Amino acid sequence: VDRARRVAFSLEQVQERLRGLYTLA
């Protein structure tokens, strides 16, 4: 559960950053 939470949190951060990049692009 801890690992999954960490992975999910990291994926959410990457997703937010990708959304930002997508918006800028």
PDB file of all heavy atoms in Angstrom:
ATOM      1  N   VAL A   1       0.846  -1.205   0.000  1.00  0.00           N
ATOM      2  CA  VAL A   1       0.000   0.000   0.000  1.00  0.00           C
ATOM      3  C   VAL A   1       0.878   1.250   0.000  1.00  0.00           C
ATOM      4  O   VAL A   1       0.612   2.236  -0.726  1.00  0.00           O
ATOM      5  CB  VAL A   1      -0.958  -0.030   1.201  1.00  0.00           C
ATOM      6  CG1 VAL A   1      -1.627   1.319   1.386  1.00  0.00           C
ATOM      7  CG2 VAL A   1      -2.018  -1.114   1.015  1.00  0.00           C
ATOM      8  N   ASP A   2       1.948   1.198   0.826  1.00  0.00           N
ATOM      9  CA  ASP A   2       2.832   2.372   0.874  1.00  0.00           C
ATOM     10  C   ASP A   2       3.475   2.618  -0.482  1.00  0.00           C
ATOM     11  O   ASP A   2       3.544   3.763  -0.980  1.00  0.00           O
ATOM     12  CB  ASP A   2       3.910   2.171   1.940  1.00  0.00           C
ATOM     13  CG  ASP A   2       3.302   2.170   3.342  1.00  0.00           C
ATOM     14  OD1 ASP A   2       2.169   2.712   3.491  1.00  0.00           O
ATOM     15  OD2 ASP A   2       3.932   1.629   4.274  1.00  0.00           O
ATOM     16  N   ARG A   3       3.973   1.540  -1.095  1.00  0.00           N
ATOM     17  CA  ARG A   3       4.589   1.700  -2.409  1.00  0.00           C
ATOM     18  C   ARG A   3       3.588   2.209  -3.441  1.00  0.00           C
ATOM     19  O   ARG A   3       3.880   3.089  -4.253  1.00  0.00           O
ATOM     20  CB  ARG A   3       5.186   0.372  -2.877  1.00  0.00           C
ATOM     21  CG  ARG A   3       6.409  -0.066  -2.086  1.00  0.00           C
ATOM     22  CD  ARG A   3       6.919  -1.393  -2.618  1.00  0.00           C
ATOM     23  NE  ARG A   3       8.082  -1.844  -1.845  1.00  0.00           N
ATOM     24  CZ  ARG A   3       8.709  -3.001  -2.071  1.00  0.00           C
ATOM     25  NH1 ARG A   3       8.260  -3.802  -3.041  1.00  0.00           N
ATOM     26  NH2 ARG A   3       9.754  -3.345  -1.355  1.00  0.00           N
ATOM     27  N   ALA A   4       2.396   1.605  -3.367  1.00  0.00           N
ATOM     28  CA  ALA A   4       1.383   2.040  -4.338  1.00  0.00           C
ATOM     29  C   ALA A   4       1.035   3.504  -4.141  1.00  0.00           C
ATOM     30  O   ALA A   4       0.828   4.252  -5.102  1.00  0.00           O
ATOM     31  CB  ALA A   4       0.145   1.156  -4.208  1.00  0.00           C
ATOM     32  N   ARG A   5       0.968   3.918  -2.921  1.00  0.00           N
ATOM     33  CA  ARG A   5       0.654   5.317  -2.651  1.00  0.00           C
ATOM     34  C   ARG A   5       1.765   6.244  -3.184  1.00  0.00           C
ATOM     35  O   ARG A   5       1.485   7.298  -3.777  1.00  0.00           O
ATOM     36  CB  ARG A   5       0.452   5.520  -1.155  1.00  0.00           C
ATOM     37  CG  ARG A   5      -0.886   4.969  -0.647  1.00  0.00           C
ATOM     38  CD  ARG A   5      -1.014   5.157   0.835  1.00  0.00           C
ATOM     39  NE  ARG A   5      -2.293   4.642   1.322  1.00  0.00           N
ATOM     40  CZ  ARG A   5      -2.646   4.597   2.612  1.00  0.00           C
ATOM     41  NH1 ARG A   5      -1.749   5.003   3.538  1.00  0.00           N
ATOM     42  NH2 ARG A   5      -3.816   4.133   2.956  1.00  0.00           N
ATOM     43  N   ARG A   6       3.025   5.798  -2.926  1.00  0.00           N
ATOM     44  CA  ARG A   6       4.127   6.627  -3.425  1.00  0.00           C
ATOM     45  C   ARG A   6       4.114   6.713  -4.942  1.00  0.00           C
ATOM     46  O   ARG A   6       4.299   7.775  -5.550  1.00  0.00           O
ATOM     47  CB  ARG A   6       5.458   6.077  -2.926  1.00  0.00           C
ATOM     48  CG  ARG A   6       5.698   6.280  -1.426  1.00  0.00           C
ATOM     49  CD  ARG A   6       7.167   6.047  -1.065  1.00  0.00           C
ATOM     50  NE  ARG A   6       7.603   4.684  -1.372  1.00  0.00           N
ATOM     51  CZ  ARG A   6       7.498   3.665  -0.505  1.00  0.00           C
ATOM     52  NH1 ARG A   6       6.983   3.883   0.705  1.00  0.00           N
ATOM     53  NH2 ARG A   6       7.925   2.478  -0.841  1.00  0.00           N
ATOM     54  N   VAL A   7       3.874   5.561  -5.583  1.00  0.00           N
ATOM     55  CA  VAL A   7       3.835   5.547  -7.053  1.00  0.00           C
ATOM     56  C   VAL A   7       2.694   6.402  -7.570  1.00  0.00           C
ATOM     57  O   VAL A   7       2.838   7.174  -8.530  1.00  0.00           O
ATOM     58  CB  VAL A   7       3.731   4.101  -7.556  1.00  0.00           C
ATOM     59  CG1 VAL A   7       3.465   4.067  -9.053  1.00  0.00           C
ATOM     60  CG2 VAL A   7       5.011   3.337  -7.250  1.00  0.00           C
ATOM     61  N   ALA A   8       1.541   6.289  -6.899  1.00  0.00           N
ATOM     62  CA  ALA A   8       0.380   7.073  -7.330  1.00  0.00           C
ATOM     63  C   ALA A   8       0.653   8.557  -7.169  1.00  0.00           C
ATOM     64  O   ALA A   8       0.285   9.374  -8.034  1.00  0.00           O
ATOM     65  CB  ALA A   8      -0.845   6.656  -6.530  1.00  0.00           C
ATOM     66  N   PHE A   9       1.283   8.895  -6.030  1.00  0.00           N
ATOM     67  CA  PHE A   9       1.588  10.313  -5.813  1.00  0.00           C
ATOM     68  C   PHE A   9       2.549  10.839  -6.877  1.00  0.00           C
ATOM     69  O   PHE A   9       2.370  11.943  -7.431  1.00  0.00           O
ATOM     70  CB  PHE A   9       2.178  10.492  -4.410  1.00  0.00           C
ATOM     71  CG  PHE A   9       2.484  11.911  -4.055  1.00  0.00           C
ATOM     72  CD1 PHE A   9       1.453  12.836  -3.809  1.00  0.00           C
ATOM     73  CD2 PHE A   9       3.810  12.358  -4.001  1.00  0.00           C
ATOM     74  CE1 PHE A   9       1.752  14.151  -3.493  1.00  0.00           C
ATOM     75  CE2 PHE A   9       4.084  13.675  -3.681  1.00  0.00           C
ATOM     76  CZ  PHE A   9       3.060  14.582  -3.418  1.00  0.00           C
ATOM     77  N   SER A  10       3.584  10.024  -7.189  1.00  0.00           N
ATOM     78  CA  SER A  10       4.547  10.435  -8.220  1.00  0.00           C
ATOM     79  C   SER A  10       3.866  10.565  -9.568  1.00  0.00           C
ATOM     80  O   SER A  10       4.101  11.519 -10.326  1.00  0.00           O
ATOM     81  CB  SER A  10       5.691   9.434  -8.297  1.00  0.00           C
ATOM     82  OG  SER A  10       6.368   9.358  -7.057  1.00  0.00           O
ATOM     83  N   LEU A  11       2.989   9.609  -9.873  1.00  0.00           N
ATOM     84  CA  LEU A  11       2.273   9.677 -11.154  1.00  0.00           C
ATOM     85  C   LEU A  11       1.379  10.895 -11.213  1.00  0.00           C
ATOM     86  O   LEU A  11       1.237  11.536 -12.270  1.00  0.00           O
ATOM     87  CB  LEU A  11       1.446   8.408 -11.361  1.00  0.00           C
ATOM     88  CG  LEU A  11       2.239   7.127 -11.629  1.00  0.00           C
ATOM     89  CD1 LEU A  11       1.305   5.917 -11.668  1.00  0.00           C
ATOM     90  CD2 LEU A  11       3.026   7.238 -12.922  1.00  0.00           C
ATOM     91  N   GLU A  12       0.751  11.229 -10.104  1.00  0.00           N
ATOM     92  CA  GLU A  12      -0.090  12.429 -10.103  1.00  0.00           C
ATOM     93  C   GLU A  12       0.764  13.683 -10.355  1.00  0.00           C
ATOM     94  O   GLU A  12       0.363  14.592 -11.096  1.00  0.00           O
ATOM     95  CB  GLU A  12      -0.831  12.540  -8.776  1.00  0.00           C
ATOM     96  CG  GLU A  12      -1.937  11.510  -8.628  1.00  0.00           C
ATOM     97  CD  GLU A  12      -2.606  11.603  -7.264  1.00  0.00           C
ATOM     98  OE1 GLU A  12      -2.147  12.446  -6.445  1.00  0.00           O
ATOM     99  OE2 GLU A  12      -3.566  10.839  -7.016  1.00  0.00           O
ATOM    100  N   GLN A  13       1.961  13.748  -9.754  1.00  0.00           N
ATOM    101  CA  GLN A  13       2.830  14.903  -9.970  1.00  0.00           C
ATOM    102  C   GLN A  13       3.250  15.000 -11.438  1.00  0.00           C
ATOM    103  O   GLN A  13       3.221  16.076 -12.064  1.00  0.00           O
ATOM    104  CB  GLN A  13       4.069  14.806  -9.074  1.00  0.00           C
ATOM    105  CG  GLN A  13       3.787  15.037  -7.589  1.00  0.00           C
ATOM    106  CD  GLN A  13       5.041  14.936  -6.739  1.00  0.00           C
ATOM    107  OE1 GLN A  13       6.101  14.503  -7.237  1.00  0.00           O
ATOM    108  NE2 GLN A  13       4.934  15.357  -5.489  1.00  0.00           N
ATOM    109  N   VAL A  14       3.639  13.790 -11.988  1.00  0.00           N
ATOM    110  CA  VAL A  14       4.033  13.798 -13.400  1.00  0.00           C
ATOM    111  C   VAL A  14       2.872  14.196 -14.277  1.00  0.00           C
ATOM    112  O   VAL A  14       3.013  14.955 -15.263  1.00  0.00           O
ATOM    113  CB  VAL A  14       4.579  12.418 -13.787  1.00  0.00           C
ATOM    114  CG1 VAL A  14       4.810  12.330 -15.289  1.00  0.00           C
ATOM    115  CG2 VAL A  14       5.879  12.123 -13.040  1.00  0.00           C
ATOM    116  N   GLN A  15       1.657  13.703 -13.898  1.00  0.00           N
ATOM    117  CA  GLN A  15       0.479  14.045 -14.684  1.00  0.00           C
ATOM    118  C   GLN A  15       0.214  15.543 -14.655  1.00  0.00           C
ATOM    119  O   GLN A  15      -0.122  16.150 -15.675  1.00  0.00           O
ATOM    120  CB  GLN A  15      -0.737  13.270 -14.162  1.00  0.00           C
ATOM    121  CG  GLN A  15      -1.985  13.464 -15.008  1.00  0.00           C
ATOM    122  CD  GLN A  15      -3.135  12.650 -14.487  1.00  0.00           C
ATOM    123  OE1 GLN A  15      -3.030  12.049 -13.423  1.00  0.00           O
ATOM    124  NE2 GLN A  15      -4.226  12.624 -15.235  1.00  0.00           N
ATOM    125  N   GLU A  16       0.399  16.160 -13.495  1.00  0.00           N
ATOM    126  CA  GLU A  16       0.194  17.597 -13.400  1.00  0.00           C
ATOM    127  C   GLU A  16       1.219  18.363 -14.242  1.00  0.00           C
ATOM    128  O   GLU A  16       0.894  19.330 -14.950  1.00  0.00           O
ATOM    129  CB  GLU A  16       0.280  18.025 -11.925  1.00  0.00           C
ATOM    130  CG  GLU A  16      -0.896  17.551 -11.066  1.00  0.00           C
ATOM    131  CD  GLU A  16      -2.191  18.167 -11.523  1.00  0.00           C
ATOM    132  OE1 GLU A  16      -2.178  19.291 -12.058  1.00  0.00           O
ATOM    133  OE2 GLU A  16      -3.246  17.494 -11.324  1.00  0.00           O
ATOM    134  N   ARG A  17       2.432  17.878 -14.170  1.00  0.00           N
ATOM    135  CA  ARG A  17       3.474  18.551 -14.952  1.00  0.00           C
ATOM    136  C   ARG A  17       3.227  18.380 -16.439  1.00  0.00           C
ATOM    137  O   ARG A  17       3.421  19.302 -17.248  1.00  0.00           O
ATOM    138  CB  ARG A  17       4.849  18.012 -14.565  1.00  0.00           C
ATOM    139  CG  ARG A  17       5.231  18.357 -13.105  1.00  0.00           C
ATOM    140  CD  ARG A  17       6.557  17.754 -12.707  1.00  0.00           C
ATOM    141  NE  ARG A  17       7.656  18.362 -13.492  1.00  0.00           N
ATOM    142  CZ  ARG A  17       8.931  18.006 -13.399  1.00  0.00           C
ATOM    143  NH1 ARG A  17       9.260  17.020 -12.574  1.00  0.00           N
ATOM    144  NH2 ARG A  17       9.846  18.611 -14.131  1.00  0.00           N
ATOM    145  N   LEU A  18       2.767  17.124 -16.833  1.00  0.00           N
ATOM    146  CA  LEU A  18       2.459  16.906 -18.238  1.00  0.00           C
ATOM    147  C   LEU A  18       1.297  17.758 -18.686  1.00  0.00           C
ATOM    148  O   LEU A  18       1.283  18.285 -19.823  1.00  0.00           O
ATOM    149  CB  LEU A  18       2.141  15.423 -18.483  1.00  0.00           C
ATOM    150  CG  LEU A  18       3.348  14.463 -18.429  1.00  0.00           C
ATOM    151  CD1 LEU A  18       2.868  13.029 -18.556  1.00  0.00           C
ATOM    152  CD2 LEU A  18       4.354  14.809 -19.540  1.00  0.00           C
ATOM    153  N   ARG A  19       0.365  17.935 -17.837  1.00  0.00           N
ATOM    154  CA  ARG A  19      -0.756  18.820 -18.179  1.00  0.00           C
ATOM    155  C   ARG A  19      -0.280  20.259 -18.387  1.00  0.00           C
ATOM    156  O   ARG A  19      -0.719  20.958 -19.305  1.00  0.00           O
ATOM    157  CB  ARG A  19      -1.821  18.764 -17.092  1.00  0.00           C
ATOM    158  CG  ARG A  19      -2.642  17.493 -17.091  1.00  0.00           C
ATOM    159  CD  ARG A  19      -3.622  17.506 -15.944  1.00  0.00           C
ATOM    160  NE  ARG A  19      -4.384  16.259 -15.925  1.00  0.00           N
ATOM    161  CZ  ARG A  19      -5.261  15.944 -14.975  1.00  0.00           C
ATOM    162  NH1 ARG A  19      -5.458  16.789 -13.958  1.00  0.00           N
ATOM    163  NH2 ARG A  19      -5.921  14.815 -15.036  1.00  0.00           N
ATOM    164  N   GLY A  20       0.645  20.655 -17.498  1.00  0.00           N
ATOM    165  CA  GLY A  20       1.187  22.012 -17.648  1.00  0.00           C
ATOM    166  C   GLY A  20       1.939  22.163 -18.964  1.00  0.00           C
ATOM    167  O   GLY A  20       1.807  23.160 -19.674  1.00  0.00           O
ATOM    168  N   LEU A  21       2.779  21.151 -19.281  1.00  0.00           N
ATOM    169  CA  LEU A  21       3.528  21.183 -20.542  1.00  0.00           C
ATOM    170  C   LEU A  21       2.586  21.160 -21.725  1.00  0.00           C
ATOM    171  O   LEU A  21       2.808  21.868 -22.742  1.00  0.00           O
ATOM    172  CB  LEU A  21       4.492  20.000 -20.600  1.00  0.00           C
ATOM    173  CG  LEU A  21       5.688  20.033 -19.618  1.00  0.00           C
ATOM    174  CD1 LEU A  21       6.465  18.734 -19.713  1.00  0.00           C
ATOM    175  CD2 LEU A  21       6.590  21.240 -19.921  1.00  0.00           C
ATOM    176  N   TYR A  22       1.514  20.330 -21.601  1.00  0.00           N
ATOM    177  CA  TYR A  22       0.559  20.262 -22.695  1.00  0.00           C
ATOM    178  C   TYR A  22      -0.120  21.613 -22.894  1.00  0.00           C
ATOM    179  O   TYR A  22      -0.313  22.076 -24.032  1.00  0.00           O
ATOM    180  CB  TYR A  22      -0.475  19.162 -22.407  1.00  0.00           C
ATOM    181  CG  TYR A  22      -1.507  19.020 -23.487  1.00  0.00           C
ATOM    182  CD1 TYR A  22      -1.180  18.383 -24.701  1.00  0.00           C
ATOM    183  CD2 TYR A  22      -2.788  19.540 -23.335  1.00  0.00           C
ATOM    184  CE1 TYR A  22      -2.120  18.269 -25.714  1.00  0.00           C
ATOM    185  CE2 TYR A  22      -3.718  19.415 -24.335  1.00  0.00           C
ATOM    186  CZ  TYR A  22      -3.397  18.764 -25.534  1.00  0.00           C
ATOM    187  OH  TYR A  22      -4.345  18.667 -26.523  1.00  0.00           O
ATOM    188  N   THR A  23      -0.394  22.276 -21.837  1.00  0.00           N
ATOM    189  CA  THR A  23      -1.021  23.589 -21.934  1.00  0.00           C
ATOM    190  C   THR A  23      -0.073  24.605 -22.570  1.00  0.00           C
ATOM    191  O   THR A  23      -0.434  25.394 -23.458  1.00  0.00           O
ATOM    192  CB  THR A  23      -1.446  24.072 -20.540  1.00  0.00           C
ATOM    193  OG1 THR A  23      -2.329  23.112 -19.977  1.00  0.00           O
ATOM    194  CG2 THR A  23      -2.154  25.407 -20.619  1.00  0.00           C
ATOM    195  N   LEU A  24       1.187  24.563 -22.119  1.00  0.00           N
ATOM    196  CA  LEU A  24       2.174  25.485 -22.681  1.00  0.00           C
ATOM    197  C   LEU A  24       2.413  25.213 -24.161  1.00  0.00           C
ATOM    198  O   LEU A  24       2.536  26.137 -24.991  1.00  0.00           O
ATOM    199  CB  LEU A  24       3.493  25.375 -21.919  1.00  0.00           C
ATOM    200  CG  LEU A  24       3.478  25.877 -20.441  1.00  0.00           C
ATOM    201  CD1 LEU A  24       4.802  25.589 -19.772  1.00  0.00           C
ATOM    202  CD2 LEU A  24       3.179  27.379 -20.412  1.00  0.00           C
ATOM    203  N   ALA A  25       2.442  23.877 -24.499  1.00  0.00           N
ATOM    204  CA  ALA A  25       2.640  23.545 -25.907  1.00  0.00           C
ATOM    205  C   ALA A  25       1.484  24.028 -26.746  1.00  0.00           C
ATOM    206  O   ALA A  25       1.656  24.520 -27.883  1.00  0.00           O
ATOM    207  CB  ALA A  25       2.820  22.029 -26.055  1.00  0.00           C
TER     208      ALA A  25
END
